[in-house]
Amino acid sequence: MFSAVERTVARAARKTVLCASAALSFAVGLAFLTAAAWIVIAVSVNVFVAAMVIGTFYIGVGFVLLGLASARDRDTIDPPHAPADAPPQSAPPSNLPPLAQAFIFGIEAGAAAKRRRPRR
């Protein structure tokens, strides 16, 4: 039982380290590309135009990322709720034992949830 937990933790730690390393590599690469863009624009026009172009680019990227972060996922959209004043539907009494009734109730609830899930 604990070996599965240890594997899961090890896998999560490995993924975290790899993602952090990738983020650091992207940041270093972005710094070098920014310096190269600065040199090209500063030589061809002037330093003020280079600052405005690069600053505007990063502001635009920031707005795009902010929009992506604040956008709602299709999977997280709440399904419409039934009206609060509607009486709950109850199943007709049956002669089954309570454990069997609970099992059948769970099967029906799962089928109803599957029918409500939107298709991708």
PDB file of N, CA and C in Angstrom:
ATOM      1  N   MET A   1       0.822  -1.192   0.000  1.00  0.00           N
ATOM      2  CA  MET A   1       0.000   0.000   0.000  1.00  0.00           C
ATOM      3  C   MET A   1       0.862   1.251   0.000  1.00  0.00           C
ATOM      4  N   PHE A   2       1.922   1.250   0.844  1.00  0.00           N
ATOM      5  CA  PHE A   2       2.762   2.432   0.909  1.00  0.00           C
ATOM      6  C   PHE A   2       3.664   2.571  -0.300  1.00  0.00           C
ATOM      7  N   SER A   3       3.943   1.468  -0.980  1.00  0.00           N
ATOM      8  CA  SER A   3       4.797   1.558  -2.163  1.00  0.00           C
ATOM      9  C   SER A   3       4.102   2.351  -3.274  1.00  0.00           C
ATOM     10  N   ALA A   4       2.795   2.209  -3.377  1.00  0.00           N
ATOM     11  CA  ALA A   4       2.054   2.993  -4.380  1.00  0.00           C
ATOM     12  C   ALA A   4       2.103   4.477  -4.038  1.00  0.00           C
ATOM     13  N   VAL A   5       1.986   4.795  -2.765  1.00  0.00           N
ATOM     14  CA  VAL A   5       2.065   6.196  -2.335  1.00  0.00           C
ATOM     15  C   VAL A   5       3.468   6.737  -2.585  1.00  0.00           C
ATOM     16  N   GLU A   6       4.492   5.934  -2.278  1.00  0.00           N
ATOM     17  CA  GLU A   6       5.865   6.366  -2.515  1.00  0.00           C
ATOM     18  C   GLU A   6       6.130   6.605  -3.996  1.00  0.00           C
ATOM     19  N   ARG A   7       5.609   5.727  -4.853  1.00  0.00           N
ATOM     20  CA  ARG A   7       5.776   5.928  -6.302  1.00  0.00           C
ATOM     21  C   ARG A   7       5.079   7.196  -6.752  1.00  0.00           C
ATOM     22  N   THR A   8       3.889   7.445  -6.223  1.00  0.00           N
ATOM     23  CA  THR A   8       3.149   8.651  -6.612  1.00  0.00           C
ATOM     24  C   THR A   8       3.892   9.904  -6.171  1.00  0.00           C
ATOM     25  N   VAL A   9       4.419   9.893  -4.949  1.00  0.00           N
ATOM     26  CA  VAL A   9       5.175  11.043  -4.449  1.00  0.00           C
ATOM     27  C   VAL A   9       6.451  11.239  -5.259  1.00  0.00           C
ATOM     28  N   ALA A  10       7.145  10.145  -5.571  1.00  0.00           N
ATOM     29  CA  ALA A  10       8.370  10.245  -6.367  1.00  0.00           C
ATOM     30  C   ALA A  10       8.074  10.782  -7.767  1.00  0.00           C
ATOM     31  N   ARG A  11       6.976  10.320  -8.359  1.00  0.00           N
ATOM     32  CA  ARG A  11       6.593  10.795  -9.689  1.00  0.00           C
ATOM     33  C   ARG A  11       6.247  12.286  -9.649  1.00  0.00           C
ATOM     34  N   ALA A  12       5.534  12.716  -8.605  1.00  0.00           N
ATOM     35  CA  ALA A  12       5.179  14.132  -8.480  1.00  0.00           C
ATOM     36  C   ALA A  12       6.416  14.990  -8.244  1.00  0.00           C
ATOM     37  N   ALA A  13       7.354  14.500  -7.429  1.00  0.00           N
ATOM     38  CA  ALA A  13       8.581  15.252  -7.187  1.00  0.00           C
ATOM     39  C   ALA A  13       9.409  15.374  -8.463  1.00  0.00           C
ATOM     40  N   ARG A  14       9.504  14.283  -9.217  1.00  0.00           N
ATOM     41  CA  ARG A  14      10.253  14.306 -10.477  1.00  0.00           C
ATOM     42  C   ARG A  14       9.628  15.292 -11.459  1.00  0.00           C
ATOM     43  N   LYS A  15       8.307  15.268 -11.545  1.00  0.00           N
ATOM     44  CA  LYS A  15       7.615  16.182 -12.453  1.00  0.00           C
ATOM     45  C   LYS A  15       7.813  17.632 -12.025  1.00  0.00           C
ATOM     46  N   THR A  16       7.789  17.880 -10.729  1.00  0.00           N
ATOM     47  CA  THR A  16       7.987  19.235 -10.216  1.00  0.00           C
ATOM     48  C   THR A  16       9.384  19.740 -10.535  1.00  0.00           C
ATOM     49  N   VAL A  17      10.399  18.906 -10.326  1.00  0.00           N
ATOM     50  CA  VAL A  17      11.776  19.311 -10.611  1.00  0.00           C
ATOM     51  C   VAL A  17      11.966  19.562 -12.104  1.00  0.00           C
ATOM     52  N   LEU A  18      11.417  18.695 -12.939  1.00  0.00           N
ATOM     53  CA  LEU A  18      11.550  18.896 -14.382  1.00  0.00           C
ATOM     54  C   LEU A  18      10.838  20.167 -14.848  1.00  0.00           C
ATOM     55  N   CYS A  19       9.652  20.432 -14.304  1.00  0.00           N
ATOM     56  CA  CYS A  19       8.920  21.647 -14.684  1.00  0.00           C
ATOM     57  C   CYS A  19       9.649  22.901 -14.203  1.00  0.00           C
ATOM     58  N   ALA A  20      10.212  22.855 -13.005  1.00  0.00           N
ATOM     59  CA  ALA A  20      10.969  24.002 -12.504  1.00  0.00           C
ATOM     60  C   ALA A  20      12.225  24.235 -13.349  1.00  0.00           C
ATOM     61  N   SER A  21      12.892  23.160 -13.744  1.00  0.00           N
ATOM     62  CA  SER A  21      14.068  23.286 -14.608  1.00  0.00           C
ATOM     63  C   SER A  21      13.689  23.849 -15.968  1.00  0.00           C
ATOM     64  N   ALA A  22      12.573  23.402 -16.507  1.00  0.00           N
ATOM     65  CA  ALA A  22      12.107  23.928 -17.794  1.00  0.00           C
ATOM     66  C   ALA A  22      11.769  25.414 -17.673  1.00  0.00           C
ATOM     67  N   ALA A  23      11.115  25.808 -16.582  1.00  0.00           N
ATOM     68  CA  ALA A  23      10.774  27.219 -16.390  1.00  0.00           C
ATOM     69  C   ALA A  23      12.033  28.072 -16.282  1.00  0.00           C
ATOM     70  N   LEU A  24      13.038  27.582 -15.571  1.00  0.00           N
ATOM     71  CA  LEU A  24      14.293  28.315 -15.460  1.00  0.00           C
ATOM     72  C   LEU A  24      14.977  28.429 -16.821  1.00  0.00           C
ATOM     73  N   SER A  25      14.975  27.353 -17.596  1.00  0.00           N
ATOM     74  CA  SER A  25      15.573  27.391 -18.941  1.00  0.00           C
ATOM     75  C   SER A  25      14.839  28.375 -19.843  1.00  0.00           C
ATOM     76  N   PHE A  26      13.509  28.380 -19.761  1.00  0.00           N
ATOM     77  CA  PHE A  26      12.742  29.347 -20.544  1.00  0.00           C
ATOM     78  C   PHE A  26      13.064  30.776 -20.127  1.00  0.00           C
ATOM     79  N   ALA A  27      13.210  31.014 -18.844  1.00  0.00           N
ATOM     80  CA  ALA A  27      13.510  32.367 -18.368  1.00  0.00           C
ATOM     81  C   ALA A  27      14.882  32.830 -18.857  1.00  0.00           C
ATOM     82  N   VAL A  28      15.881  31.954 -18.800  1.00  0.00           N
ATOM     83  CA  VAL A  28      17.218  32.314 -19.278  1.00  0.00           C
ATOM     84  C   VAL A  28      17.186  32.560 -20.788  1.00  0.00           C
ATOM     85  N   GLY A  29      16.511  31.686 -21.523  1.00  0.00           N
ATOM     86  CA  GLY A  29      16.398  31.883 -22.967  1.00  0.00           C
ATOM     87  C   GLY A  29      15.677  33.170 -23.325  1.00  0.00           C
ATOM     88  N   LEU A  30      14.624  33.480 -22.569  1.00  0.00           N
ATOM     89  CA  LEU A  30      13.893  34.721 -22.810  1.00  0.00           C
ATOM     90  C   LEU A  30      14.760  35.941 -22.522  1.00  0.00           C
ATOM     91  N   ALA A  31      15.603  35.848 -21.500  1.00  0.00           N
ATOM     92  CA  ALA A  31      16.507  36.969 -21.196  1.00  0.00           C
ATOM     93  C   ALA A  31      17.488  37.202 -22.340  1.00  0.00           C
ATOM     94  N   PHE A  32      18.047  36.123 -22.887  1.00  0.00           N
ATOM     95  CA  PHE A  32      18.978  36.281 -24.001  1.00  0.00           C
ATOM     96  C   PHE A  32      18.273  36.802 -25.253  1.00  0.00           C
ATOM     97  N   LEU A  33      17.072  36.296 -25.517  1.00  0.00           N
ATOM     98  CA  LEU A  33      16.335  36.803 -26.683  1.00  0.00           C
ATOM     99  C   LEU A  33      15.954  38.271 -26.515  1.00  0.00           C
ATOM    100  N   THR A  34      15.626  38.657 -25.298  1.00  0.00           N
ATOM    101  CA  THR A  34      15.305  40.063 -25.042  1.00  0.00           C
ATOM    102  C   THR A  34      16.535  40.940 -25.263  1.00  0.00           C
ATOM    103  N   ALA A  35      17.685  40.475 -24.789  1.00  0.00           N
ATOM    104  CA  ALA A  35      18.917  41.244 -25.004  1.00  0.00           C
ATOM    105  C   ALA A  35      19.238  41.356 -26.490  1.00  0.00           C
ATOM    106  N   ALA A  36      19.052  40.272 -27.225  1.00  0.00           N
ATOM    107  CA  ALA A  36      19.314  40.310 -28.668  1.00  0.00           C
ATOM    108  C   ALA A  36      18.354  41.260 -29.383  1.00  0.00           C
ATOM    109  N   ALA A  37      17.079  41.202 -29.000  1.00  0.00           N
ATOM    110  CA  ALA A  37      16.105  42.112 -29.616  1.00  0.00           C
ATOM    111  C   ALA A  37      16.445  43.556 -29.286  1.00  0.00           C
ATOM    112  N   TRP A  38      16.877  43.814 -28.059  1.00  0.00           N
ATOM    113  CA  TRP A  38      17.262  45.165 -27.648  1.00  0.00           C
ATOM    114  C   TRP A  38      18.415  45.674 -28.524  1.00  0.00           C
ATOM    115  N   ILE A  39      19.409  44.834 -28.731  1.00  0.00           N
ATOM    116  CA  ILE A  39      20.575  45.251 -29.519  1.00  0.00           C
ATOM    117  C   ILE A  39      20.169  45.551 -30.956  1.00  0.00           C
ATOM    118  N   VAL A  40      19.361  44.669 -31.562  1.00  0.00           N
ATOM    119  CA  VAL A  40      18.946  44.863 -32.950  1.00  0.00           C
ATOM    120  C   VAL A  40      18.134  46.141 -33.108  1.00  0.00           C
ATOM    121  N   ILE A  41      17.171  46.360 -32.219  1.00  0.00           N
ATOM    122  CA  ILE A  41      16.313  47.541 -32.345  1.00  0.00           C
ATOM    123  C   ILE A  41      17.099  48.809 -32.014  1.00  0.00           C
ATOM    124  N   ALA A  42      17.961  48.750 -30.987  1.00  0.00           N
ATOM    125  CA  ALA A  42      18.729  49.935 -30.595  1.00  0.00           C
ATOM    126  C   ALA A  42      19.705  50.349 -31.689  1.00  0.00           C
ATOM    127  N   VAL A  43      20.299  49.377 -32.391  1.00  0.00           N
ATOM    128  CA  VAL A  43      21.237  49.703 -33.467  1.00  0.00           C
ATOM    129  C   VAL A  43      20.486  50.255 -34.679  1.00  0.00           C
ATOM    130  N   SER A  44      19.316  49.668 -34.983  1.00  0.00           N
ATOM    131  CA  SER A  44      18.607  50.099 -36.190  1.00  0.00           C
ATOM    132  C   SER A  44      17.813  51.383 -35.980  1.00  0.00           C
ATOM    133  N   VAL A  45      17.286  51.632 -34.802  1.00  0.00           N
ATOM    134  CA  VAL A  45      16.504  52.857 -34.584  1.00  0.00           C
ATOM    135  C   VAL A  45      17.178  53.667 -33.475  1.00  0.00           C
ATOM    136  N   ASN A  46      16.742  53.469 -32.225  1.00  0.00           N
ATOM    137  CA  ASN A  46      17.430  54.059 -31.077  1.00  0.00           C
ATOM    138  C   ASN A  46      16.972  53.349 -29.806  1.00  0.00           C
ATOM    139  N   VAL A  47      17.561  53.718 -28.690  1.00  0.00           N
ATOM    140  CA  VAL A  47      17.323  53.022 -27.433  1.00  0.00           C
ATOM    141  C   VAL A  47      15.886  53.217 -26.946  1.00  0.00           C
ATOM    142  N   PHE A  48      15.321  54.382 -27.139  1.00  0.00           N
ATOM    143  CA  PHE A  48      13.965  54.652 -26.661  1.00  0.00           C
ATOM    144  C   PHE A  48      12.929  53.799 -27.398  1.00  0.00           C
ATOM    145  N   VAL A  49      13.098  53.661 -28.693  1.00  0.00           N
ATOM    146  CA  VAL A  49      12.184  52.823 -29.460  1.00  0.00           C
ATOM    147  C   VAL A  49      12.347  51.362 -29.038  1.00  0.00           C
ATOM    148  N   ALA A  50      13.564  50.939 -28.788  1.00  0.00           N
ATOM    149  CA  ALA A  50      13.800  49.565 -28.344  1.00  0.00           C
ATOM    150  C   ALA A  50      13.090  49.302 -27.018  1.00  0.00           C
ATOM    151  N   ALA A  51      13.174  50.229 -26.098  1.00  0.00           N
ATOM    152  CA  ALA A  51      12.502  50.070 -24.797  1.00  0.00           C
ATOM    153  C   ALA A  51      10.993  50.012 -24.960  1.00  0.00           C
ATOM    154  N   MET A  52      10.451  50.867 -25.829  1.00  0.00           N
ATOM    155  CA  MET A  52       8.997  50.876 -26.024  1.00  0.00           C
ATOM    156  C   MET A  52       8.518  49.594 -26.703  1.00  0.00           C
ATOM    157  N   VAL A  53       9.239  49.117 -27.695  1.00  0.00           N
ATOM    158  CA  VAL A  53       8.823  47.910 -28.407  1.00  0.00           C
ATOM    159  C   VAL A  53       8.869  46.698 -27.486  1.00  0.00           C
ATOM    160  N   ILE A  54       9.969  46.519 -26.782  1.00  0.00           N
ATOM    161  CA  ILE A  54      10.111  45.353 -25.916  1.00  0.00           C
ATOM    162  C   ILE A  54       9.147  45.444 -24.730  1.00  0.00           C
ATOM    163  N   GLY A  55       8.994  46.618 -24.151  1.00  0.00           N
ATOM    164  CA  GLY A  55       8.042  46.789 -23.046  1.00  0.00           C
ATOM    165  C   GLY A  55       6.612  46.527 -23.483  1.00  0.00           C
ATOM    166  N   THR A  56       6.230  47.010 -24.658  1.00  0.00           N
ATOM    167  CA  THR A  56       4.885  46.766 -25.178  1.00  0.00           C
ATOM    168  C   THR A  56       4.656  45.287 -25.439  1.00  0.00           C
ATOM    169  N   PHE A  57       5.677  44.618 -25.950  1.00  0.00           N
ATOM    170  CA  PHE A  57       5.558  43.183 -26.193  1.00  0.00           C
ATOM    171  C   PHE A  57       5.283  42.439 -24.888  1.00  0.00           C
ATOM    172  N   TYR A  58       6.047  42.733 -23.839  1.00  0.00           N
ATOM    173  CA  TYR A  58       5.851  42.033 -22.572  1.00  0.00           C
ATOM    174  C   TYR A  58       4.516  42.390 -21.915  1.00  0.00           C
ATOM    175  N   ILE A  59       4.080  43.602 -22.053  1.00  0.00           N
ATOM    176  CA  ILE A  59       2.757  43.983 -21.533  1.00  0.00           C
ATOM    177  C   ILE A  59       1.666  43.207 -22.275  1.00  0.00           C
ATOM    178  N   GLY A  60       1.799  43.082 -23.600  1.00  0.00           N
ATOM    179  CA  GLY A  60       0.822  42.318 -24.382  1.00  0.00           C
ATOM    180  C   GLY A  60       0.803  40.851 -23.982  1.00  0.00           C
ATOM    181  N   VAL A  61       1.974  40.252 -23.805  1.00  0.00           N
ATOM    182  CA  VAL A  61       2.043  38.857 -23.367  1.00  0.00           C
ATOM    183  C   VAL A  61       1.416  38.711 -21.981  1.00  0.00           C
ATOM    184  N   GLY A  62       1.662  39.675 -21.107  1.00  0.00           N
ATOM    185  CA  GLY A  62       1.075  39.640 -19.766  1.00  0.00           C
ATOM    186  C   GLY A  62      -0.439  39.685 -19.807  1.00  0.00           C
ATOM    187  N   PHE A  63      -1.000  40.545 -20.664  1.00  0.00           N
ATOM    188  CA  PHE A  63      -2.460  40.608 -20.779  1.00  0.00           C
ATOM    189  C   PHE A  63      -3.040  39.313 -21.338  1.00  0.00           C
ATOM    190  N   VAL A  64      -2.367  38.725 -22.311  1.00  0.00           N
ATOM    191  CA  VAL A  64      -2.845  37.456 -22.873  1.00  0.00           C
ATOM    192  C   VAL A  64      -2.827  36.362 -21.804  1.00  0.00           C
ATOM    193  N   LEU A  65      -1.743  36.260 -21.060  1.00  0.00           N
ATOM    194  CA  LEU A  65      -1.659  35.259 -20.002  1.00  0.00           C
ATOM    195  C   LEU A  65      -2.671  35.511 -18.897  1.00  0.00           C
ATOM    196  N   LEU A  66      -2.902  36.772 -18.564  1.00  0.00           N
ATOM    197  CA  LEU A  66      -3.919  37.104 -17.566  1.00  0.00           C
ATOM    198  C   LEU A  66      -5.303  36.699 -18.046  1.00  0.00           C
ATOM    199  N   GLY A  67      -5.585  36.920 -19.320  1.00  0.00           N
ATOM    200  CA  GLY A  67      -6.866  36.493 -19.878  1.00  0.00           C
ATOM    201  C   GLY A  67      -7.017  34.986 -19.874  1.00  0.00           C
ATOM    202  N   LEU A  68      -5.948  34.279 -20.212  1.00  0.00           N
ATOM    203  CA  LEU A  68      -6.007  32.809 -20.176  1.00  0.00           C
ATOM    204  C   LEU A  68      -6.193  32.288 -18.753  1.00  0.00           C
ATOM    205  N   ALA A  69      -5.560  32.942 -17.796  1.00  0.00           N
ATOM    206  CA  ALA A  69      -5.671  32.489 -16.408  1.00  0.00           C
ATOM    207  C   ALA A  69      -7.060  32.736 -15.841  1.00  0.00           C
ATOM    208  N   SER A  70      -7.713  33.806 -16.295  1.00  0.00           N
ATOM    209  CA  SER A  70      -9.027  34.123 -15.739  1.00  0.00           C
ATOM    210  C   SER A  70     -10.169  33.477 -16.518  1.00  0.00           C
ATOM    211  N   ALA A  71      -9.870  32.850 -17.650  1.00  0.00           N
ATOM    212  CA  ALA A  71     -10.916  32.185 -18.432  1.00  0.00           C
ATOM    213  C   ALA A  71     -11.366  30.924 -17.712  1.00  0.00           C
ATOM    214  N   ARG A  72     -12.645  30.650 -17.763  1.00  0.00           N
ATOM    215  CA  ARG A  72     -13.189  29.443 -17.124  1.00  0.00           C
ATOM    216  C   ARG A  72     -13.044  28.272 -18.071  1.00  0.00           C
ATOM    217  N   ASP A  73     -12.727  27.128 -17.489  1.00  0.00           N
ATOM    218  CA  ASP A  73     -12.647  25.903 -18.279  1.00  0.00           C
ATOM    219  C   ASP A  73     -14.046  25.411 -18.597  1.00  0.00           C
ATOM    220  N   ARG A  74     -14.164  24.677 -19.691  1.00  0.00           N
ATOM    221  CA  ARG A  74     -15.465  24.100 -20.023  1.00  0.00           C
ATOM    222  C   ARG A  74     -15.857  23.022 -19.024  1.00  0.00           C
ATOM    223  N   ASP A  75     -14.861  22.349 -18.444  1.00  0.00           N
ATOM    224  CA  ASP A  75     -15.155  21.275 -17.505  1.00  0.00           C
ATOM    225  C   ASP A  75     -15.636  21.790 -16.156  1.00  0.00           C
ATOM    226  N   THR A  76     -15.325  23.054 -15.827  1.00  0.00           N
ATOM    227  CA  THR A  76     -15.687  23.571 -14.508  1.00  0.00           C
ATOM    228  C   THR A  76     -16.987  24.356 -14.512  1.00  0.00           C
ATOM    229  N   ILE A  77     -17.682  24.397 -15.632  1.00  0.00           N
ATOM    230  CA  ILE A  77     -18.947  25.115 -15.674  1.00  0.00           C
ATOM    231  C   ILE A  77     -19.965  24.352 -14.841  1.00  0.00           C
ATOM    232  N   ASP A  78     -20.603  25.058 -13.936  1.00  0.00           N
ATOM    233  CA  ASP A  78     -21.576  24.422 -13.059  1.00  0.00           C
ATOM    234  C   ASP A  78     -22.834  24.065 -13.850  1.00  0.00           C
ATOM    235  N   PRO A  79     -23.353  22.855 -13.647  1.00  0.00           N
ATOM    236  CA  PRO A  79     -24.595  22.502 -14.325  1.00  0.00           C
ATOM    237  C   PRO A  79     -25.751  23.285 -13.714  1.00  0.00           C
ATOM    238  N   PRO A  80     -26.807  23.506 -14.475  1.00  0.00           N
ATOM    239  CA  PRO A  80     -27.950  24.234 -13.919  1.00  0.00           C
ATOM    240  C   PRO A  80     -28.547  23.443 -12.762  1.00  0.00           C
ATOM    241  N   HIS A  81     -28.896  24.174 -11.734  1.00  0.00           N
ATOM    242  CA  HIS A  81     -29.462  23.537 -10.554  1.00  0.00           C
ATOM    243  C   HIS A  81     -30.985  23.518 -10.638  1.00  0.00           C
ATOM    244  N   ALA A  82     -31.569  22.515  -9.995  1.00  0.00           N
ATOM    245  CA  ALA A  82     -33.025  22.431  -9.930  1.00  0.00           C
ATOM    246  C   ALA A  82     -33.527  23.547  -9.017  1.00  0.00           C
ATOM    247  N   PRO A  83     -34.725  24.032  -9.244  1.00  0.00           N
ATOM    248  CA  PRO A  83     -35.260  25.073  -8.368  1.00  0.00           C
ATOM    249  C   PRO A  83     -35.277  24.589  -6.916  1.00  0.00           C
ATOM    250  N   ALA A  84     -35.029  25.525  -6.000  1.00  0.00           N
ATOM    251  CA  ALA A  84     -34.937  25.168  -4.586  1.00  0.00           C
ATOM    252  C   ALA A  84     -36.282  24.759  -4.001  1.00  0.00           C
ATOM    253  N   ASP A  85     -37.379  25.282  -4.556  1.00  0.00           N
ATOM    254  CA  ASP A  85     -38.680  24.973  -3.970  1.00  0.00           C
ATOM    255  C   ASP A  85     -39.289  23.674  -4.518  1.00  0.00           C
ATOM    256  N   ALA A  86     -38.605  23.014  -5.445  1.00  0.00           N
ATOM    257  CA  ALA A  86     -39.136  21.764  -5.986  1.00  0.00           C
ATOM    258  C   ALA A  86     -38.970  20.655  -4.940  1.00  0.00           C
ATOM    259  N   PRO A  87     -40.006  19.871  -4.701  1.00  0.00           N
ATOM    260  CA  PRO A  87     -39.881  18.804  -3.712  1.00  0.00           C
ATOM    261  C   PRO A  87     -38.939  17.719  -4.230  1.00  0.00           C
ATOM    262  N   PRO A  88     -38.167  17.109  -3.336  1.00  0.00           N
ATOM    263  CA  PRO A  88     -37.259  16.051  -3.790  1.00  0.00           C
ATOM    264  C   PRO A  88     -38.038  14.835  -4.264  1.00  0.00           C
ATOM    265  N   GLN A  89     -37.506  14.212  -5.296  1.00  0.00           N
ATOM    266  CA  GLN A  89     -38.161  13.020  -5.814  1.00  0.00           C
ATOM    267  C   GLN A  89     -37.766  11.831  -4.952  1.00  0.00           C
ATOM    268  N   SER A  90     -38.729  11.073  -4.526  1.00  0.00           N
ATOM    269  CA  SER A  90     -38.424   9.898  -3.720  1.00  0.00           C
ATOM    270  C   SER A  90     -38.821   8.649  -4.496  1.00  0.00           C
ATOM    271  N   ALA A  91     -38.052   7.619  -4.273  1.00  0.00           N
ATOM    272  CA  ALA A  91     -38.324   6.358  -4.953  1.00  0.00           C
ATOM    273  C   ALA A  91     -39.482   5.642  -4.250  1.00  0.00           C
ATOM    274  N   PRO A  92     -40.271   4.901  -5.000  1.00  0.00           N
ATOM    275  CA  PRO A  92     -41.355   4.161  -4.354  1.00  0.00           C
ATOM    276  C   PRO A  92     -40.780   3.094  -3.424  1.00  0.00           C
ATOM    277  N   PRO A  93     -41.507   2.775  -2.368  1.00  0.00           N
ATOM    278  CA  PRO A  93     -40.995   1.770  -1.435  1.00  0.00           C
ATOM    279  C   PRO A  93     -40.797   0.434  -2.145  1.00  0.00           C
ATOM    280  N   SER A  94     -39.789  -0.302  -1.699  1.00  0.00           N
ATOM    281  CA  SER A  94     -39.550  -1.608  -2.301  1.00  0.00           C
ATOM    282  C   SER A  94     -39.314  -2.625  -1.187  1.00  0.00           C
ATOM    283  N   ASN A  95     -39.315  -3.883  -1.566  1.00  0.00           N
ATOM    284  CA  ASN A  95     -39.130  -4.964  -0.611  1.00  0.00           C
ATOM    285  C   ASN A  95     -37.664  -5.386  -0.510  1.00  0.00           C
ATOM    286  N   LEU A  96     -36.758  -4.658  -1.176  1.00  0.00           N
ATOM    287  CA  LEU A  96     -35.339  -4.999  -1.141  1.00  0.00           C
ATOM    288  C   LEU A  96     -34.734  -4.593   0.199  1.00  0.00           C
ATOM    289  N   PRO A  97     -33.676  -5.269   0.620  1.00  0.00           N
ATOM    290  CA  PRO A  97     -32.985  -4.848   1.837  1.00  0.00           C
ATOM    291  C   PRO A  97     -32.335  -3.480   1.631  1.00  0.00           C
ATOM    292  N   PRO A  98     -32.082  -2.736   2.710  1.00  0.00           N
ATOM    293  CA  PRO A  98     -31.541  -1.381   2.577  1.00  0.00           C
ATOM    294  C   PRO A  98     -30.203  -1.325   1.829  1.00  0.00           C
ATOM    295  N   LEU A  99     -29.340  -2.313   1.992  1.00  0.00           N
ATOM    296  CA  LEU A  99     -28.061  -2.309   1.288  1.00  0.00           C
ATOM    297  C   LEU A  99     -28.271  -2.418  -0.224  1.00  0.00           C
ATOM    298  N   ALA A 100     -29.189  -3.238  -0.657  1.00  0.00           N
ATOM    299  CA  ALA A 100     -29.490  -3.375  -2.084  1.00  0.00           C
ATOM    300  C   ALA A 100     -30.118  -2.097  -2.619  1.00  0.00           C
ATOM    301  N   GLN A 101     -30.983  -1.469  -1.822  1.00  0.00           N
ATOM    302  CA  GLN A 101     -31.583  -0.199  -2.242  1.00  0.00           C
ATOM    303  C   GLN A 101     -30.503   0.871  -2.426  1.00  0.00           C
ATOM    304  N   ALA A 102     -29.549   0.918  -1.491  1.00  0.00           N
ATOM    305  CA  ALA A 102     -28.463   1.901  -1.601  1.00  0.00           C
ATOM    306  C   ALA A 102     -27.614   1.631  -2.837  1.00  0.00           C
ATOM    307  N   PHE A 103     -27.349   0.363  -3.134  1.00  0.00           N
ATOM    308  CA  PHE A 103     -26.569   0.009  -4.317  1.00  0.00           C
ATOM    309  C   PHE A 103     -27.281   0.461  -5.590  1.00  0.00           C
ATOM    310  N   ILE A 104     -28.565   0.180  -5.677  1.00  0.00           N
ATOM    311  CA  ILE A 104     -29.340   0.571  -6.867  1.00  0.00           C
ATOM    312  C   ILE A 104     -29.428   2.089  -6.982  1.00  0.00           C
ATOM    313  N   PHE A 105     -29.567   2.772  -5.839  1.00  0.00           N
ATOM    314  CA  PHE A 105     -29.600   4.234  -5.852  1.00  0.00           C
ATOM    315  C   PHE A 105     -28.285   4.789  -6.401  1.00  0.00           C
ATOM    316  N   GLY A 106     -27.159   4.199  -5.991  1.00  0.00           N
ATOM    317  CA  GLY A 106     -25.859   4.645  -6.488  1.00  0.00           C
ATOM    318  C   GLY A 106     -25.695   4.413  -7.976  1.00  0.00           C
ATOM    319  N   ILE A 107     -26.161   3.283  -8.454  1.00  0.00           N
ATOM    320  CA  ILE A 107     -26.092   2.991  -9.896  1.00  0.00           C
ATOM    321  C   ILE A 107     -26.912   4.013 -10.680  1.00  0.00           C
ATOM    322  N   GLU A 108     -28.116   4.316 -10.199  1.00  0.00           N
ATOM    323  CA  GLU A 108     -28.969   5.289 -10.883  1.00  0.00           C
ATOM    324  C   GLU A 108     -28.363   6.686 -10.843  1.00  0.00           C
ATOM    325  N   ALA A 109     -27.760   7.062  -9.719  1.00  0.00           N
ATOM    326  CA  ALA A 109     -27.130   8.384  -9.617  1.00  0.00           C
ATOM    327  C   ALA A 109     -25.950   8.493 -10.581  1.00  0.00           C
ATOM    328  N   GLY A 110     -25.152   7.436 -10.696  1.00  0.00           N
ATOM    329  CA  GLY A 110     -24.042   7.446 -11.639  1.00  0.00           C
ATOM    330  C   GLY A 110     -24.505   7.556 -13.079  1.00  0.00           C
ATOM    331  N   ALA A 111     -25.582   6.840 -13.405  1.00  0.00           N
ATOM    332  CA  ALA A 111     -26.120   6.915 -14.774  1.00  0.00           C
ATOM    333  C   ALA A 111     -26.665   8.306 -15.066  1.00  0.00           C
ATOM    334  N   ALA A 112     -27.317   8.914 -14.062  1.00  0.00           N
ATOM    335  CA  ALA A 112     -27.856  10.267 -14.259  1.00  0.00           C
ATOM    336  C   ALA A 112     -26.724  11.275 -14.422  1.00  0.00           C
ATOM    337  N   ALA A 113     -25.647  11.117 -13.664  1.00  0.00           N
ATOM    338  CA  ALA A 113     -24.509  12.034 -13.787  1.00  0.00           C
ATOM    339  C   ALA A 113     -23.841  11.887 -15.139  1.00  0.00           C
ATOM    340  N   LYS A 114     -23.767  10.669 -15.629  1.00  0.00           N
ATOM    341  CA  LYS A 114     -23.149  10.439 -16.935  1.00  0.00           C
ATOM    342  C   LYS A 114     -23.981  11.074 -18.051  1.00  0.00           C
ATOM    343  N   ARG A 115     -25.301  11.026 -17.905  1.00  0.00           N
ATOM    344  CA  ARG A 115     -26.165  11.646 -18.924  1.00  0.00           C
ATOM    345  C   ARG A 115     -26.043  13.164 -18.904  1.00  0.00           C
ATOM    346  N   ARG A 116     -25.780  13.780 -17.736  1.00  0.00           N
ATOM    347  CA  ARG A 116     -25.689  15.239 -17.634  1.00  0.00           C
ATOM    348  C   ARG A 116     -24.357  15.782 -18.100  1.00  0.00           C
ATOM    349  N   ARG A 117     -23.312  14.953 -18.146  1.00  0.00           N
ATOM    350  CA  ARG A 117     -21.962  15.422 -18.503  1.00  0.00           C
ATOM    351  C   ARG A 117     -21.940  15.816 -19.966  1.00  0.00           C
ATOM    352  N   PRO A 118     -21.431  17.043 -20.275  1.00  0.00           N
ATOM    353  CA  PRO A 118     -21.371  17.461 -21.677  1.00  0.00           C
ATOM    354  C   PRO A 118     -20.320  16.674 -22.432  1.00  0.00           C
ATOM    355  N   ARG A 119     -20.557  16.462 -23.698  1.00  0.00           N
ATOM    356  CA  ARG A 119     -19.616  15.746 -24.562  1.00  0.00           C
ATOM    357  C   ARG A 119     -18.490  16.682 -24.949  1.00  0.00           C
ATOM    358  N   ARG A 120     -17.295  16.123 -25.126  1.00  0.00           N
ATOM    359  CA  ARG A 120     -16.120  16.945 -25.505  1.00  0.00           C
ATOM    360  C   ARG A 120     -15.883  16.854 -26.964  1.00  0.00           C
TER     361      ARG A 120
END
